[in-house]
Amino acid sequence: MKRILLIITGIVLMLPLSADCQEILVDRSILIKVASQLDSFELLKDKQSKYLEFKDSCESLVDSQSEFIDTQEKLLYNRNRQIDFLKQSQQEYKDLLKVNDDIINLYKKKTKIAKRNTVISLVGGGVLTIGLTTGLLITLIQ
């Protein structure tokens, strides 16, 4: 690129001589314009490398942000599953409480029946004892 620039600069400097010698009518402003465009291409290549580096860093940032978003989505999914499991555990606990209440009520009924049977047994045993004692006394008195 620098060789081309040097050649064009040489042509620009030698333009009056070469135009006279070879009878070529090339305007000096055209050659200056071409030389400045070649310089702008050089600048463009420098800028292009900087822009490519910037583009690569932006793509890297976008990729890392995308991975971060994916990770956050997975965390949210796991949290939602935890919430569902906890709701299910809560429902199972409520069901267990209901079963426990039913068992407690059943044992209360059995306890009442057992108390009643005990009272009946004691009263019946007392009546039987009094009856036997009375019968024995009657038998002894006769």
N, C-alpha and C. Protein backbone atom coordinates (compact mmCIF):
# COMPACT_ATOMS: atom_id res chain seq x y z
N MET A 1 0.83 -1.18 0.00
CA MET A 1 0.00 0.00 0.00
C MET A 1 0.87 1.25 0.00
N LYS A 2 1.96 1.20 0.78
CA LYS A 2 2.85 2.36 0.82
C LYS A 2 3.57 2.52 -0.52
N ARG A 3 3.85 1.42 -1.19
CA ARG A 3 4.49 1.50 -2.51
C ARG A 3 3.59 2.22 -3.49
N ILE A 4 2.32 1.83 -3.43
CA ILE A 4 1.37 2.48 -4.34
C ILE A 4 1.27 3.95 -4.03
N LEU A 5 1.26 4.27 -2.75
CA LEU A 5 1.21 5.67 -2.34
C LEU A 5 2.45 6.43 -2.81
N LEU A 6 3.62 5.80 -2.70
CA LEU A 6 4.85 6.44 -3.16
C LEU A 6 4.83 6.63 -4.69
N ILE A 7 4.32 5.63 -5.37
CA ILE A 7 4.25 5.73 -6.85
C ILE A 7 3.31 6.86 -7.23
N ILE A 8 2.16 6.91 -6.57
CA ILE A 8 1.21 7.98 -6.91
C ILE A 8 1.78 9.33 -6.55
N THR A 9 2.46 9.43 -5.41
CA THR A 9 3.09 10.70 -5.04
C THR A 9 4.15 11.08 -6.06
N GLY A 10 4.92 10.10 -6.48
CA GLY A 10 5.93 10.38 -7.52
C GLY A 10 5.28 10.85 -8.80
N ILE A 11 4.18 10.21 -9.17
CA ILE A 11 3.47 10.63 -10.39
C ILE A 11 2.95 12.04 -10.23
N VAL A 12 2.43 12.36 -9.06
CA VAL A 12 1.90 13.70 -8.83
C VAL A 12 3.02 14.74 -8.93
N LEU A 13 4.17 14.42 -8.35
CA LEU A 13 5.27 15.36 -8.40
C LEU A 13 5.87 15.49 -9.80
N MET A 14 5.86 14.41 -10.54
CA MET A 14 6.45 14.42 -11.87
C MET A 14 5.43 14.73 -12.95
N LEU A 15 4.20 15.04 -12.56
CA LEU A 15 3.14 15.24 -13.53
C LEU A 15 3.47 16.31 -14.59
N PRO A 16 3.95 17.45 -14.17
CA PRO A 16 4.22 18.43 -15.23
C PRO A 16 5.27 17.93 -16.23
N LEU A 17 6.29 17.21 -15.73
CA LEU A 17 7.32 16.72 -16.63
C LEU A 17 6.81 15.62 -17.54
N SER A 18 6.10 14.66 -16.93
CA SER A 18 5.63 13.53 -17.72
C SER A 18 4.54 13.95 -18.69
N ALA A 19 3.75 14.92 -18.31
CA ALA A 19 2.70 15.38 -19.22
C ALA A 19 3.31 16.07 -20.44
N ASP A 20 4.37 16.79 -20.20
CA ASP A 20 5.02 17.45 -21.32
C ASP A 20 5.73 16.45 -22.20
N CYS A 21 6.38 15.44 -21.54
CA CYS A 21 7.18 14.50 -22.31
C CYS A 21 6.32 13.52 -23.09
N GLN A 22 5.27 13.03 -22.50
CA GLN A 22 4.48 11.98 -23.13
C GLN A 22 3.19 12.50 -23.72
N GLU A 23 2.97 13.73 -23.59
CA GLU A 23 1.77 14.37 -24.10
C GLU A 23 0.50 13.74 -23.50
N ILE A 24 0.56 13.38 -22.22
CA ILE A 24 -0.61 12.85 -21.52
C ILE A 24 -1.19 13.99 -20.72
N LEU A 25 -2.44 14.17 -20.88
CA LEU A 25 -3.10 15.26 -20.18
C LEU A 25 -3.83 14.68 -18.97
N VAL A 26 -3.15 14.62 -17.83
CA VAL A 26 -3.74 14.14 -16.58
C VAL A 26 -3.75 15.31 -15.64
N ASP A 27 -4.90 15.56 -15.10
CA ASP A 27 -5.04 16.71 -14.22
C ASP A 27 -4.44 16.37 -12.85
N ARG A 28 -3.72 17.29 -12.29
CA ARG A 28 -3.08 17.09 -10.99
C ARG A 28 -4.12 16.88 -9.90
N SER A 29 -5.24 17.55 -9.94
CA SER A 29 -6.28 17.40 -8.91
C SER A 29 -6.86 15.99 -8.89
N ILE A 30 -6.93 15.35 -10.05
CA ILE A 30 -7.43 13.97 -10.11
C ILE A 30 -6.45 13.05 -9.39
N LEU A 31 -5.14 13.24 -9.64
CA LEU A 31 -4.16 12.39 -8.97
C LEU A 31 -4.15 12.63 -7.46
N ILE A 32 -4.32 13.87 -7.03
CA ILE A 32 -4.38 14.17 -5.59
C ILE A 32 -5.61 13.51 -4.97
N LYS A 33 -6.70 13.54 -5.72
CA LYS A 33 -7.92 12.90 -5.23
C LYS A 33 -7.71 11.40 -5.07
N VAL A 34 -7.07 10.76 -6.06
CA VAL A 34 -6.81 9.32 -5.98
C VAL A 34 -5.89 9.02 -4.80
N ALA A 35 -4.87 9.83 -4.60
CA ALA A 35 -3.94 9.62 -3.49
C ALA A 35 -4.65 9.77 -2.15
N SER A 36 -5.54 10.75 -2.04
CA SER A 36 -6.27 10.93 -0.78
C SER A 36 -7.24 9.78 -0.53
N GLN A 37 -7.80 9.24 -1.62
CA GLN A 37 -8.69 8.09 -1.45
C GLN A 37 -7.91 6.87 -0.98
N LEU A 38 -6.68 6.71 -1.52
CA LEU A 38 -5.86 5.59 -1.06
C LEU A 38 -5.50 5.77 0.41
N ASP A 39 -5.24 7.00 0.83
CA ASP A 39 -4.99 7.26 2.25
C ASP A 39 -6.24 6.95 3.08
N SER A 40 -7.41 7.31 2.56
CA SER A 40 -8.64 7.03 3.30
C SER A 40 -8.89 5.53 3.37
N PHE A 41 -8.47 4.77 2.35
CA PHE A 41 -8.58 3.31 2.42
C PHE A 41 -7.69 2.76 3.52
N GLU A 42 -6.51 3.36 3.67
CA GLU A 42 -5.60 2.96 4.74
C GLU A 42 -6.24 3.22 6.10
N LEU A 43 -6.82 4.40 6.27
CA LEU A 43 -7.51 4.73 7.51
C LEU A 43 -8.70 3.81 7.72
N LEU A 44 -9.38 3.51 6.61
CA LEU A 44 -10.54 2.63 6.70
C LEU A 44 -10.14 1.24 7.19
N LYS A 45 -8.99 0.75 6.73
CA LYS A 45 -8.51 -0.55 7.20
C LYS A 45 -8.20 -0.51 8.69
N ASP A 46 -7.59 0.59 9.14
CA ASP A 46 -7.33 0.73 10.58
C ASP A 46 -8.63 0.76 11.36
N LYS A 47 -9.56 1.57 10.88
CA LYS A 47 -10.87 1.66 11.55
C LYS A 47 -11.59 0.32 11.51
N GLN A 48 -11.45 -0.38 10.38
CA GLN A 48 -12.13 -1.66 10.24
C GLN A 48 -11.64 -2.64 11.30
N SER A 49 -10.35 -2.68 11.55
CA SER A 49 -9.84 -3.59 12.57
C SER A 49 -10.37 -3.21 13.96
N LYS A 50 -10.45 -1.91 14.23
CA LYS A 50 -11.00 -1.47 15.53
C LYS A 50 -12.48 -1.82 15.64
N TYR A 51 -13.20 -1.62 14.55
CA TYR A 51 -14.63 -1.95 14.56
C TYR A 51 -14.85 -3.45 14.68
N LEU A 52 -13.98 -4.24 14.06
CA LEU A 52 -14.10 -5.69 14.19
C LEU A 52 -13.84 -6.13 15.63
N GLU A 53 -12.85 -5.50 16.27
CA GLU A 53 -12.59 -5.80 17.68
C GLU A 53 -13.80 -5.43 18.53
N PHE A 54 -14.38 -4.26 18.25
CA PHE A 54 -15.56 -3.81 18.98
C PHE A 54 -16.73 -4.77 18.75
N LYS A 55 -16.91 -5.18 17.50
CA LYS A 55 -17.99 -6.12 17.15
C LYS A 55 -17.79 -7.44 17.89
N ASP A 56 -16.55 -7.94 17.92
CA ASP A 56 -16.26 -9.19 18.62
C ASP A 56 -16.55 -9.06 20.11
N SER A 57 -16.15 -7.91 20.70
CA SER A 57 -16.43 -7.74 22.13
C SER A 57 -17.93 -7.63 22.38
N CYS A 58 -18.65 -6.98 21.45
CA CYS A 58 -20.11 -6.90 21.61
C CYS A 58 -20.76 -8.28 21.49
N GLU A 59 -20.29 -9.06 20.53
CA GLU A 59 -20.84 -10.41 20.38
C GLU A 59 -20.54 -11.26 21.61
N SER A 60 -19.33 -11.09 22.15
CA SER A 60 -18.97 -11.81 23.36
C SER A 60 -19.88 -11.40 24.52
N LEU A 61 -20.13 -10.10 24.64
CA LEU A 61 -21.01 -9.60 25.69
C LEU A 61 -22.43 -10.15 25.51
N VAL A 62 -22.91 -10.15 24.27
CA VAL A 62 -24.26 -10.67 24.00
C VAL A 62 -24.33 -12.15 24.33
N ASP A 63 -23.27 -12.89 23.98
CA ASP A 63 -23.26 -14.32 24.30
C ASP A 63 -23.27 -14.56 25.80
N SER A 64 -22.44 -13.80 26.53
CA SER A 64 -22.41 -14.00 27.98
C SER A 64 -23.73 -13.58 28.61
N GLN A 65 -24.35 -12.51 28.11
CA GLN A 65 -25.65 -12.10 28.63
C GLN A 65 -26.71 -13.16 28.31
N SER A 66 -26.62 -13.74 27.14
CA SER A 66 -27.57 -14.80 26.76
C SER A 66 -27.42 -16.01 27.68
N GLU A 67 -26.18 -16.37 27.97
CA GLU A 67 -25.94 -17.48 28.90
C GLU A 67 -26.47 -17.13 30.29
N PHE A 68 -26.27 -15.89 30.72
CA PHE A 68 -26.77 -15.45 32.02
C PHE A 68 -28.29 -15.54 32.06
N ILE A 69 -28.95 -15.10 30.98
CA ILE A 69 -30.42 -15.16 30.92
C ILE A 69 -30.89 -16.61 30.94
N ASP A 70 -30.19 -17.49 30.22
CA ASP A 70 -30.55 -18.90 30.24
C ASP A 70 -30.41 -19.48 31.65
N THR A 71 -29.34 -19.10 32.33
CA THR A 71 -29.14 -19.58 33.70
C THR A 71 -30.25 -19.07 34.62
N GLN A 72 -30.63 -17.81 34.46
CA GLN A 72 -31.70 -17.25 35.28
C GLN A 72 -33.03 -17.95 34.98
N GLU A 73 -33.28 -18.28 33.71
CA GLU A 73 -34.51 -19.00 33.37
C GLU A 73 -34.52 -20.38 34.02
N LYS A 74 -33.37 -21.04 34.03
CA LYS A 74 -33.29 -22.36 34.67
C LYS A 74 -33.51 -22.23 36.17
N LEU A 75 -32.95 -21.18 36.78
CA LEU A 75 -33.17 -20.96 38.21
C LEU A 75 -34.65 -20.70 38.50
N LEU A 76 -35.29 -19.90 37.66
CA LEU A 76 -36.72 -19.64 37.84
C LEU A 76 -37.53 -20.93 37.71
N TYR A 77 -37.18 -21.74 36.73
CA TYR A 77 -37.87 -23.02 36.54
C TYR A 77 -37.71 -23.89 37.80
N ASN A 78 -36.48 -23.95 38.33
CA ASN A 78 -36.25 -24.74 39.54
C ASN A 78 -37.02 -24.18 40.74
N ARG A 79 -37.07 -22.85 40.85
CA ARG A 79 -37.84 -22.23 41.95
C ARG A 79 -39.33 -22.57 41.82
N ASN A 80 -39.83 -22.52 40.60
CA ASN A 80 -41.25 -22.86 40.40
C ASN A 80 -41.52 -24.32 40.75
N ARG A 81 -40.58 -25.19 40.41
CA ARG A 81 -40.74 -26.60 40.78
C ARG A 81 -40.70 -26.76 42.29
N GLN A 82 -39.81 -26.02 42.96
CA GLN A 82 -39.76 -26.07 44.43
C GLN A 82 -41.08 -25.60 45.02
N ILE A 83 -41.63 -24.53 44.47
CA ILE A 83 -42.91 -24.02 44.96
C ILE A 83 -43.99 -25.07 44.78
N ASP A 84 -44.01 -25.73 43.62
CA ASP A 84 -45.00 -26.79 43.38
C ASP A 84 -44.83 -27.94 44.37
N PHE A 85 -43.57 -28.33 44.62
CA PHE A 85 -43.33 -29.41 45.58
C PHE A 85 -43.76 -29.01 46.99
N LEU A 86 -43.50 -27.76 47.35
CA LEU A 86 -43.92 -27.29 48.67
C LEU A 86 -45.44 -27.23 48.79
N LYS A 87 -46.11 -26.82 47.73
CA LYS A 87 -47.58 -26.82 47.75
C LYS A 87 -48.11 -28.25 47.88
N GLN A 88 -47.46 -29.16 47.17
CA GLN A 88 -47.87 -30.56 47.27
C GLN A 88 -47.62 -31.09 48.69
N SER A 89 -46.48 -30.73 49.27
CA SER A 89 -46.19 -31.15 50.65
C SER A 89 -47.19 -30.56 51.62
N GLN A 90 -47.56 -29.31 51.39
CA GLN A 90 -48.55 -28.65 52.24
C GLN A 90 -49.89 -29.39 52.16
N GLN A 91 -50.30 -29.76 50.95
CA GLN A 91 -51.56 -30.48 50.79
C GLN A 91 -51.50 -31.85 51.47
N GLU A 92 -50.35 -32.55 51.33
CA GLU A 92 -50.19 -33.84 52.00
C GLU A 92 -50.24 -33.67 53.52
N TYR A 93 -49.64 -32.60 54.02
CA TYR A 93 -49.68 -32.34 55.46
C TYR A 93 -51.11 -32.08 55.92
N LYS A 94 -51.88 -31.32 55.14
CA LYS A 94 -53.28 -31.08 55.49
C LYS A 94 -54.07 -32.39 55.49
N ASP A 95 -53.79 -33.24 54.51
CA ASP A 95 -54.46 -34.55 54.47
C ASP A 95 -54.09 -35.38 55.69
N LEU A 96 -52.81 -35.35 56.09
CA LEU A 96 -52.38 -36.08 57.29
C LEU A 96 -53.06 -35.54 58.54
N LEU A 97 -53.20 -34.22 58.63
CA LEU A 97 -53.90 -33.63 59.77
C LEU A 97 -55.35 -34.10 59.83
N LYS A 98 -55.98 -34.20 58.66
CA LYS A 98 -57.36 -34.67 58.62
C LYS A 98 -57.44 -36.13 59.08
N VAL A 99 -56.50 -36.95 58.59
CA VAL A 99 -56.47 -38.36 59.01
C VAL A 99 -56.22 -38.45 60.52
N ASN A 100 -55.30 -37.63 61.03
CA ASN A 100 -55.03 -37.64 62.47
C ASN A 100 -56.27 -37.22 63.26
N ASP A 101 -56.99 -36.21 62.79
CA ASP A 101 -58.22 -35.80 63.47
C ASP A 101 -59.24 -36.94 63.47
N ASP A 102 -59.34 -37.65 62.35
CA ASP A 102 -60.26 -38.80 62.28
C ASP A 102 -59.84 -39.88 63.26
N ILE A 103 -58.55 -40.15 63.35
CA ILE A 103 -58.05 -41.17 64.29
C ILE A 103 -58.31 -40.73 65.72
N ILE A 104 -58.08 -39.45 66.02
CA ILE A 104 -58.33 -38.94 67.37
C ILE A 104 -59.81 -39.07 67.72
N ASN A 105 -60.69 -38.71 66.80
CA ASN A 105 -62.13 -38.85 67.05
C ASN A 105 -62.52 -40.31 67.26
N LEU A 106 -61.92 -41.22 66.47
CA LEU A 106 -62.20 -42.64 66.62
C LEU A 106 -61.75 -43.12 68.01
N TYR A 107 -60.56 -42.71 68.45
CA TYR A 107 -60.10 -43.11 69.78
C TYR A 107 -60.92 -42.49 70.89
N LYS A 108 -61.42 -41.29 70.69
CA LYS A 108 -62.31 -40.69 71.68
C LYS A 108 -63.58 -41.52 71.83
N LYS A 109 -64.13 -41.95 70.68
CA LYS A 109 -65.33 -42.80 70.74
C LYS A 109 -65.02 -44.12 71.44
N LYS A 110 -63.87 -44.72 71.11
CA LYS A 110 -63.51 -45.98 71.75
C LYS A 110 -63.29 -45.79 73.25
N THR A 111 -62.71 -44.64 73.62
CA THR A 111 -62.51 -44.36 75.04
C THR A 111 -63.84 -44.21 75.75
N LYS A 112 -64.80 -43.51 75.14
CA LYS A 112 -66.13 -43.37 75.75
C LYS A 112 -66.79 -44.74 75.90
N ILE A 113 -66.67 -45.56 74.86
CA ILE A 113 -67.27 -46.90 74.93
C ILE A 113 -66.58 -47.72 76.02
N ALA A 114 -65.26 -47.61 76.10
CA ALA A 114 -64.52 -48.36 77.12
C ALA A 114 -64.90 -47.88 78.52
N LYS A 115 -65.07 -46.55 78.71
CA LYS A 115 -65.49 -46.02 80.01
C LYS A 115 -66.88 -46.54 80.36
N ARG A 116 -67.78 -46.49 79.38
CA ARG A 116 -69.14 -46.96 79.62
C ARG A 116 -69.13 -48.44 79.98
N ASN A 117 -68.34 -49.21 79.25
CA ASN A 117 -68.27 -50.65 79.57
C ASN A 117 -67.66 -50.88 80.94
N THR A 118 -66.68 -50.06 81.30
CA THR A 118 -66.08 -50.19 82.63
C THR A 118 -67.09 -49.85 83.71
N VAL A 119 -67.87 -48.76 83.49
CA VAL A 119 -68.88 -48.38 84.47
C VAL A 119 -69.93 -49.49 84.57
N ILE A 120 -70.35 -49.98 83.43
CA ILE A 120 -71.36 -51.06 83.45
C ILE A 120 -70.79 -52.28 84.17
N SER A 121 -69.52 -52.58 83.88
CA SER A 121 -68.90 -53.75 84.53
C SER A 121 -68.80 -53.54 86.03
N LEU A 122 -68.41 -52.34 86.44
CA LEU A 122 -68.29 -52.07 87.87
C LEU A 122 -69.65 -52.10 88.55
N VAL A 123 -70.63 -51.45 87.89
CA VAL A 123 -71.97 -51.46 88.49
C VAL A 123 -72.52 -52.90 88.50
N GLY A 124 -72.33 -53.59 87.40
CA GLY A 124 -72.81 -55.00 87.34
C GLY A 124 -72.08 -55.86 88.35
N GLY A 125 -70.77 -55.63 88.49
CA GLY A 125 -69.99 -56.39 89.49
C GLY A 125 -70.45 -56.05 90.89
N GLY A 126 -70.74 -54.78 91.14
CA GLY A 126 -71.23 -54.36 92.46
C GLY A 126 -72.58 -54.98 92.74
N VAL A 127 -73.46 -54.92 91.72
CA VAL A 127 -74.80 -55.51 91.90
C VAL A 127 -74.65 -57.01 92.11
N LEU A 128 -73.81 -57.65 91.37
CA LEU A 128 -73.60 -59.10 91.53
C LEU A 128 -73.03 -59.41 92.91
N THR A 129 -72.09 -58.60 93.35
CA THR A 129 -71.51 -58.82 94.67
C THR A 129 -72.57 -58.63 95.76
N ILE A 130 -73.35 -57.56 95.62
CA ILE A 130 -74.41 -57.33 96.62
C ILE A 130 -75.43 -58.47 96.55
N GLY A 131 -75.76 -58.88 95.33
CA GLY A 131 -76.73 -59.98 95.19
C GLY A 131 -76.20 -61.28 95.78
N LEU A 132 -74.97 -61.61 95.53
CA LEU A 132 -74.39 -62.84 96.08
C LEU A 132 -74.26 -62.74 97.60
N THR A 133 -73.84 -61.58 98.04
CA THR A 133 -73.72 -61.42 99.48
C THR A 133 -75.08 -61.52 100.13
N THR A 134 -76.11 -60.88 99.53
CA THR A 134 -77.45 -60.97 100.07
C THR A 134 -77.93 -62.41 100.02
N GLY A 135 -77.68 -63.06 98.90
CA GLY A 135 -78.11 -64.47 98.78
C GLY A 135 -77.39 -65.34 99.79
N LEU A 136 -76.17 -65.11 100.02
CA LEU A 136 -75.41 -65.89 100.99
C LEU A 136 -75.89 -65.60 102.40
N LEU A 137 -76.21 -64.36 102.69
CA LEU A 137 -76.73 -64.01 104.01
C LEU A 137 -78.12 -64.64 104.21
N ILE A 138 -78.91 -64.60 103.15
CA ILE A 138 -80.22 -65.21 103.26
C ILE A 138 -80.07 -66.72 103.48
N THR A 139 -79.15 -67.27 102.77
CA THR A 139 -78.94 -68.70 102.94
C THR A 139 -78.41 -69.00 104.34
N LEU A 140 -77.60 -68.20 104.84
CA LEU A 140 -77.05 -68.42 106.17
C LEU A 140 -78.09 -68.16 107.27
N ILE A 141 -78.94 -67.24 107.02
CA ILE A 141 -79.96 -66.92 108.00
C ILE A 141 -81.00 -68.06 108.00
N GLN A 142 -81.27 -68.68 107.01
CA GLN A 142 -82.30 -69.71 107.02
C GLN A 142 -81.78 -70.94 107.54
